[in-house]
Amino acid sequence: MIWEWGESGRDGRAGPLWAESGAALHEPWMAYPGVVPFGQLQGHSTVVRFTDRTWRCAGRIRQRTTVDWHARHVRVRVGGRVFIGVDPGHGRTGAAEWWPLVLDDARVTAQSPR
């Protein structure tokens, strides 16, 4: 798989598929040469803290990021792709407000079992 099968979370060797999120997800892709092969959807851990609207990442990630504070959605553009983080805030008390991610042009496809 991409990078090593190493530890998850903040281990820099883990690679973007195993990252906890935030800088650990985006930084490896920012070092990828050329067009990133795919975007990613991820949840729960993002580059911002929604409770106090603060950033948890370096400026180079912030420059590529748009945040919908009410929906609790974060979009980061890296290597020609979009990485979307959704944090519904299902912690101890839950978020006062959040919206599900709706992909307007999405189609559900199914492949019949072989």
N, C-alpha and C. Protein backbone atom coordinates (compact mmCIF):
# COMPACT_ATOMS: atom_id res chain seq x y z
N MET A 1 0.85 -1.17 0.00
CA MET A 1 0.00 0.00 0.00
C MET A 1 0.90 1.23 0.00
N ILE A 2 0.27 2.39 0.06
CA ILE A 2 1.05 3.61 -0.06
C ILE A 2 1.85 3.84 1.22
N TRP A 3 3.16 4.01 1.03
CA TRP A 3 4.15 4.15 2.07
C TRP A 3 4.24 2.83 2.83
N GLU A 4 4.42 2.90 4.12
CA GLU A 4 4.63 1.69 4.91
C GLU A 4 3.34 1.26 5.60
N TRP A 5 3.36 0.05 6.05
CA TRP A 5 2.23 -0.46 6.84
C TRP A 5 2.39 -0.05 8.29
N GLY A 6 3.32 0.85 8.57
CA GLY A 6 3.70 1.23 9.93
C GLY A 6 2.55 1.60 10.84
N GLU A 7 2.88 2.31 11.85
CA GLU A 7 1.89 2.72 12.84
C GLU A 7 0.89 3.68 12.21
N SER A 8 -0.24 3.84 12.88
CA SER A 8 -1.22 4.83 12.42
C SER A 8 -1.00 6.11 13.21
N GLY A 9 -1.86 7.07 12.98
CA GLY A 9 -1.80 8.30 13.75
C GLY A 9 -0.71 9.23 13.29
N ARG A 10 0.08 9.73 14.19
CA ARG A 10 1.06 10.77 13.89
C ARG A 10 2.42 10.22 13.44
N ASP A 11 2.54 8.94 13.18
CA ASP A 11 3.78 8.36 12.70
C ASP A 11 4.04 8.85 11.27
N GLY A 12 5.10 9.62 11.05
CA GLY A 12 5.39 10.17 9.74
C GLY A 12 5.66 9.13 8.67
N ARG A 13 5.99 7.90 9.06
CA ARG A 13 6.23 6.84 8.10
C ARG A 13 4.95 6.12 7.70
N ALA A 14 3.86 6.43 8.37
CA ALA A 14 2.62 5.68 8.15
C ALA A 14 2.06 5.89 6.75
N GLY A 15 2.24 7.06 6.20
CA GLY A 15 1.68 7.35 4.88
C GLY A 15 0.25 7.85 5.01
N PRO A 16 -0.26 8.49 3.95
CA PRO A 16 -1.55 9.17 4.03
C PRO A 16 -2.75 8.25 4.19
N LEU A 17 -2.66 6.99 3.80
CA LEU A 17 -3.81 6.11 3.98
C LEU A 17 -4.01 5.70 5.43
N TRP A 18 -2.97 5.79 6.23
CA TRP A 18 -3.06 5.33 7.61
C TRP A 18 -3.01 6.49 8.60
N ALA A 19 -3.00 7.69 8.09
CA ALA A 19 -2.85 8.86 8.95
C ALA A 19 -4.07 9.10 9.81
N GLU A 20 -3.81 9.69 10.96
CA GLU A 20 -4.89 10.08 11.86
C GLU A 20 -5.74 11.16 11.21
N SER A 21 -5.12 12.14 10.63
CA SER A 21 -5.73 13.22 9.86
C SER A 21 -4.91 14.46 10.02
N GLY A 22 -5.51 15.58 9.66
CA GLY A 22 -4.80 16.83 9.76
C GLY A 22 -3.51 16.81 8.98
N ALA A 23 -2.45 17.36 9.55
CA ALA A 23 -1.17 17.43 8.86
C ALA A 23 -0.65 16.05 8.51
N ALA A 24 -0.92 15.06 9.34
CA ALA A 24 -0.45 13.70 9.06
C ALA A 24 -1.06 13.13 7.79
N LEU A 25 -2.22 13.60 7.41
CA LEU A 25 -2.86 13.17 6.17
C LEU A 25 -2.37 14.01 4.99
N HIS A 26 -2.35 15.31 5.13
CA HIS A 26 -2.09 16.19 4.00
C HIS A 26 -0.61 16.37 3.67
N GLU A 27 0.25 16.43 4.65
CA GLU A 27 1.67 16.67 4.40
C GLU A 27 2.29 15.62 3.47
N PRO A 28 2.06 14.31 3.66
CA PRO A 28 2.65 13.35 2.73
C PRO A 28 2.17 13.54 1.29
N TRP A 29 0.89 13.86 1.12
CA TRP A 29 0.39 14.09 -0.24
C TRP A 29 0.99 15.36 -0.84
N MET A 30 1.28 16.35 -0.03
CA MET A 30 1.88 17.57 -0.55
C MET A 30 3.29 17.32 -1.08
N ALA A 31 3.94 16.28 -0.61
CA ALA A 31 5.28 15.92 -1.09
C ALA A 31 5.22 14.97 -2.29
N TYR A 32 4.03 14.49 -2.65
CA TYR A 32 3.87 13.55 -3.75
C TYR A 32 4.15 14.26 -5.08
N PRO A 33 4.98 13.68 -5.94
CA PRO A 33 5.29 14.35 -7.21
C PRO A 33 4.16 14.21 -8.22
N GLY A 34 3.75 15.30 -8.82
CA GLY A 34 2.72 15.24 -9.85
C GLY A 34 1.31 15.27 -9.28
N VAL A 35 0.36 14.76 -10.08
CA VAL A 35 -1.04 14.75 -9.69
C VAL A 35 -1.28 13.61 -8.70
N VAL A 36 -1.90 13.92 -7.60
CA VAL A 36 -2.24 12.91 -6.59
C VAL A 36 -3.25 11.95 -7.22
N PRO A 37 -3.11 10.63 -7.03
CA PRO A 37 -3.96 9.67 -7.74
C PRO A 37 -5.45 9.70 -7.38
N PHE A 38 -5.80 10.20 -6.21
CA PHE A 38 -7.21 10.23 -5.80
C PHE A 38 -7.39 11.21 -4.66
N GLY A 39 -8.61 11.69 -4.47
CA GLY A 39 -8.95 12.48 -3.30
C GLY A 39 -9.38 11.54 -2.19
N GLN A 40 -9.66 12.08 -1.04
CA GLN A 40 -10.08 11.25 0.09
C GLN A 40 -11.21 11.94 0.85
N LEU A 41 -12.08 11.11 1.40
CA LEU A 41 -13.06 11.56 2.38
C LEU A 41 -12.64 10.97 3.71
N GLN A 42 -12.68 11.75 4.75
CA GLN A 42 -12.34 11.24 6.07
C GLN A 42 -13.18 11.95 7.10
N GLY A 43 -13.24 11.37 8.27
CA GLY A 43 -14.10 11.95 9.28
C GLY A 43 -13.44 12.09 10.63
N HIS A 44 -14.10 12.84 11.47
CA HIS A 44 -13.82 12.99 12.90
C HIS A 44 -12.63 13.86 13.24
N SER A 45 -11.51 13.71 12.58
CA SER A 45 -10.32 14.49 12.91
C SER A 45 -9.98 15.39 11.73
N THR A 46 -9.92 16.69 11.93
CA THR A 46 -9.68 17.62 10.83
C THR A 46 -8.55 18.59 11.18
N VAL A 47 -8.25 19.48 10.26
CA VAL A 47 -7.17 20.45 10.46
C VAL A 47 -7.62 21.67 11.25
N VAL A 48 -8.87 21.69 11.69
CA VAL A 48 -9.39 22.79 12.51
C VAL A 48 -10.05 22.23 13.76
N ARG A 49 -10.18 23.09 14.76
CA ARG A 49 -11.01 22.76 15.92
C ARG A 49 -12.27 23.57 15.79
N PHE A 50 -13.39 22.90 15.63
CA PHE A 50 -14.65 23.60 15.40
C PHE A 50 -15.15 24.31 16.65
N THR A 51 -14.83 23.80 17.81
CA THR A 51 -15.36 24.39 19.05
C THR A 51 -14.95 25.84 19.22
N ASP A 52 -13.70 26.17 18.88
CA ASP A 52 -13.25 27.56 19.04
C ASP A 52 -12.72 28.17 17.73
N ARG A 53 -13.00 27.48 16.61
CA ARG A 53 -12.62 27.96 15.27
C ARG A 53 -11.13 28.31 15.17
N THR A 54 -10.31 27.38 15.62
CA THR A 54 -8.86 27.55 15.51
C THR A 54 -8.30 26.50 14.57
N TRP A 55 -7.08 26.77 14.09
CA TRP A 55 -6.41 25.89 13.14
C TRP A 55 -5.45 24.96 13.86
N ARG A 56 -5.33 23.73 13.36
CA ARG A 56 -4.43 22.73 13.92
C ARG A 56 -3.42 22.28 12.86
N CYS A 57 -3.01 23.19 11.98
CA CYS A 57 -2.10 22.82 10.88
C CYS A 57 -1.22 24.00 10.52
N ALA A 58 -0.21 23.70 9.71
CA ALA A 58 0.73 24.73 9.25
C ALA A 58 0.07 25.62 8.20
N GLY A 59 0.67 26.79 7.99
CA GLY A 59 0.14 27.76 7.03
C GLY A 59 0.04 27.23 5.62
N ARG A 60 0.95 26.35 5.20
CA ARG A 60 0.88 25.84 3.82
C ARG A 60 -0.35 24.97 3.60
N ILE A 61 -0.86 24.34 4.63
CA ILE A 61 -2.11 23.58 4.51
C ILE A 61 -3.29 24.56 4.58
N ARG A 62 -3.21 25.52 5.46
CA ARG A 62 -4.29 26.52 5.60
C ARG A 62 -4.56 27.24 4.29
N GLN A 63 -3.51 27.53 3.53
CA GLN A 63 -3.67 28.24 2.26
C GLN A 63 -4.48 27.44 1.25
N ARG A 64 -4.54 26.14 1.41
CA ARG A 64 -5.24 25.25 0.48
C ARG A 64 -6.61 24.83 1.01
N THR A 65 -7.01 25.39 2.14
CA THR A 65 -8.18 24.89 2.87
C THR A 65 -9.34 25.87 2.87
N THR A 66 -10.55 25.33 2.70
CA THR A 66 -11.77 26.09 2.94
C THR A 66 -12.56 25.35 4.00
N VAL A 67 -13.20 26.11 4.87
CA VAL A 67 -13.94 25.53 5.99
C VAL A 67 -15.37 26.04 5.98
N ASP A 68 -16.32 25.13 6.12
CA ASP A 68 -17.71 25.50 6.38
C ASP A 68 -17.93 25.22 7.87
N TRP A 69 -17.85 26.29 8.66
CA TRP A 69 -17.89 26.14 10.12
C TRP A 69 -19.22 25.59 10.61
N HIS A 70 -20.33 25.93 9.95
CA HIS A 70 -21.64 25.45 10.40
C HIS A 70 -21.85 23.99 10.04
N ALA A 71 -21.47 23.60 8.83
CA ALA A 71 -21.65 22.21 8.40
C ALA A 71 -20.60 21.30 9.01
N ARG A 72 -19.48 21.87 9.47
CA ARG A 72 -18.34 21.13 10.00
C ARG A 72 -17.66 20.30 8.90
N HIS A 73 -17.50 20.94 7.74
CA HIS A 73 -16.82 20.34 6.59
C HIS A 73 -15.55 21.12 6.29
N VAL A 74 -14.50 20.39 5.94
CA VAL A 74 -13.21 21.00 5.59
C VAL A 74 -12.79 20.44 4.23
N ARG A 75 -12.40 21.31 3.32
CA ARG A 75 -11.90 20.89 2.00
C ARG A 75 -10.47 21.39 1.84
N VAL A 76 -9.56 20.45 1.53
CA VAL A 76 -8.16 20.80 1.31
C VAL A 76 -7.79 20.37 -0.11
N ARG A 77 -7.25 21.29 -0.90
CA ARG A 77 -6.82 20.99 -2.27
C ARG A 77 -5.34 20.64 -2.26
N VAL A 78 -5.04 19.42 -2.73
CA VAL A 78 -3.65 18.96 -2.78
C VAL A 78 -3.43 18.20 -4.09
N GLY A 79 -2.43 18.59 -4.85
CA GLY A 79 -2.03 17.85 -6.04
C GLY A 79 -3.12 17.61 -7.05
N GLY A 80 -4.00 18.58 -7.22
CA GLY A 80 -5.08 18.44 -8.19
C GLY A 80 -6.29 17.69 -7.67
N ARG A 81 -6.31 17.32 -6.43
CA ARG A 81 -7.43 16.58 -5.83
C ARG A 81 -7.98 17.33 -4.62
N VAL A 82 -9.16 16.90 -4.18
CA VAL A 82 -9.78 17.51 -3.00
C VAL A 82 -9.89 16.45 -1.91
N PHE A 83 -9.49 16.82 -0.72
CA PHE A 83 -9.59 15.98 0.47
C PHE A 83 -10.65 16.61 1.36
N ILE A 84 -11.67 15.85 1.68
CA ILE A 84 -12.80 16.39 2.45
C ILE A 84 -12.86 15.73 3.82
N GLY A 85 -12.90 16.56 4.83
CA GLY A 85 -13.06 16.08 6.19
C GLY A 85 -14.41 16.52 6.74
N VAL A 86 -15.11 15.60 7.38
CA VAL A 86 -16.40 15.89 8.00
C VAL A 86 -16.31 15.48 9.46
N ASP A 87 -16.60 16.40 10.34
CA ASP A 87 -16.55 16.11 11.77
C ASP A 87 -17.91 16.41 12.39
N PRO A 88 -18.76 15.39 12.54
CA PRO A 88 -20.08 15.63 13.11
C PRO A 88 -20.06 15.93 14.61
N GLY A 89 -18.91 15.80 15.24
CA GLY A 89 -18.79 16.14 16.65
C GLY A 89 -19.53 15.20 17.57
N HIS A 90 -19.52 13.92 17.26
CA HIS A 90 -20.21 12.95 18.09
C HIS A 90 -19.36 12.56 19.30
N GLY A 91 -18.96 13.54 20.06
CA GLY A 91 -18.17 13.29 21.26
C GLY A 91 -19.09 13.12 22.47
N ARG A 92 -18.64 13.56 23.60
CA ARG A 92 -19.42 13.41 24.83
C ARG A 92 -20.73 14.18 24.79
N THR A 93 -20.69 15.39 24.22
CA THR A 93 -21.90 16.21 24.21
C THR A 93 -22.49 16.38 22.81
N GLY A 94 -21.72 16.15 21.78
CA GLY A 94 -22.21 16.33 20.41
C GLY A 94 -22.14 17.78 19.99
N ALA A 95 -22.08 17.98 18.70
CA ALA A 95 -22.02 19.34 18.16
C ALA A 95 -23.42 19.95 18.14
N ALA A 96 -23.49 21.24 18.35
CA ALA A 96 -24.77 21.93 18.32
C ALA A 96 -25.34 21.96 16.91
N GLU A 97 -24.45 21.93 15.91
CA GLU A 97 -24.89 22.01 14.53
C GLU A 97 -23.88 21.27 13.64
N TRP A 98 -24.37 20.50 12.68
CA TRP A 98 -23.54 19.91 11.63
C TRP A 98 -24.46 19.40 10.53
N TRP A 99 -23.89 19.23 9.33
CA TRP A 99 -24.67 18.73 8.20
C TRP A 99 -23.96 17.56 7.56
N PRO A 100 -24.71 16.59 7.06
CA PRO A 100 -24.06 15.48 6.35
C PRO A 100 -23.45 16.00 5.04
N LEU A 101 -22.46 15.30 4.55
CA LEU A 101 -21.86 15.65 3.27
C LEU A 101 -22.74 15.10 2.16
N VAL A 102 -23.19 15.97 1.27
CA VAL A 102 -24.03 15.57 0.14
C VAL A 102 -23.23 15.76 -1.13
N LEU A 103 -23.10 14.70 -1.90
CA LEU A 103 -22.39 14.76 -3.17
C LEU A 103 -23.45 14.83 -4.26
N ASP A 104 -23.68 16.03 -4.76
CA ASP A 104 -24.80 16.30 -5.67
C ASP A 104 -24.82 15.43 -6.92
N ASP A 105 -23.70 15.21 -7.55
CA ASP A 105 -23.66 14.47 -8.81
C ASP A 105 -23.28 13.00 -8.62
N ALA A 106 -23.33 12.49 -7.41
CA ALA A 106 -22.91 11.12 -7.15
C ALA A 106 -23.95 10.11 -7.64
N ARG A 107 -23.46 8.96 -8.05
CA ARG A 107 -24.34 7.85 -8.43
C ARG A 107 -23.92 6.63 -7.63
N VAL A 108 -24.86 5.88 -7.16
CA VAL A 108 -24.57 4.64 -6.47
C VAL A 108 -24.57 3.54 -7.51
N THR A 109 -23.51 2.81 -7.58
CA THR A 109 -23.42 1.70 -8.53
C THR A 109 -23.16 0.42 -7.76
N ALA A 110 -23.64 -0.66 -8.30
CA ALA A 110 -23.43 -1.96 -7.66
C ALA A 110 -22.95 -2.93 -8.70
N GLN A 111 -22.09 -3.81 -8.28
CA GLN A 111 -21.60 -4.85 -9.16
C GLN A 111 -22.19 -6.16 -8.68
N SER A 112 -22.73 -6.95 -9.60
CA SER A 112 -23.34 -8.21 -9.19
C SER A 112 -22.26 -9.19 -8.76
N PRO A 113 -22.55 -10.00 -7.73
CA PRO A 113 -21.56 -10.96 -7.24
C PRO A 113 -21.22 -11.98 -8.31
N ARG A 114 -20.02 -12.45 -8.28
CA ARG A 114 -19.57 -13.44 -9.27
C ARG A 114 -19.81 -14.82 -8.81
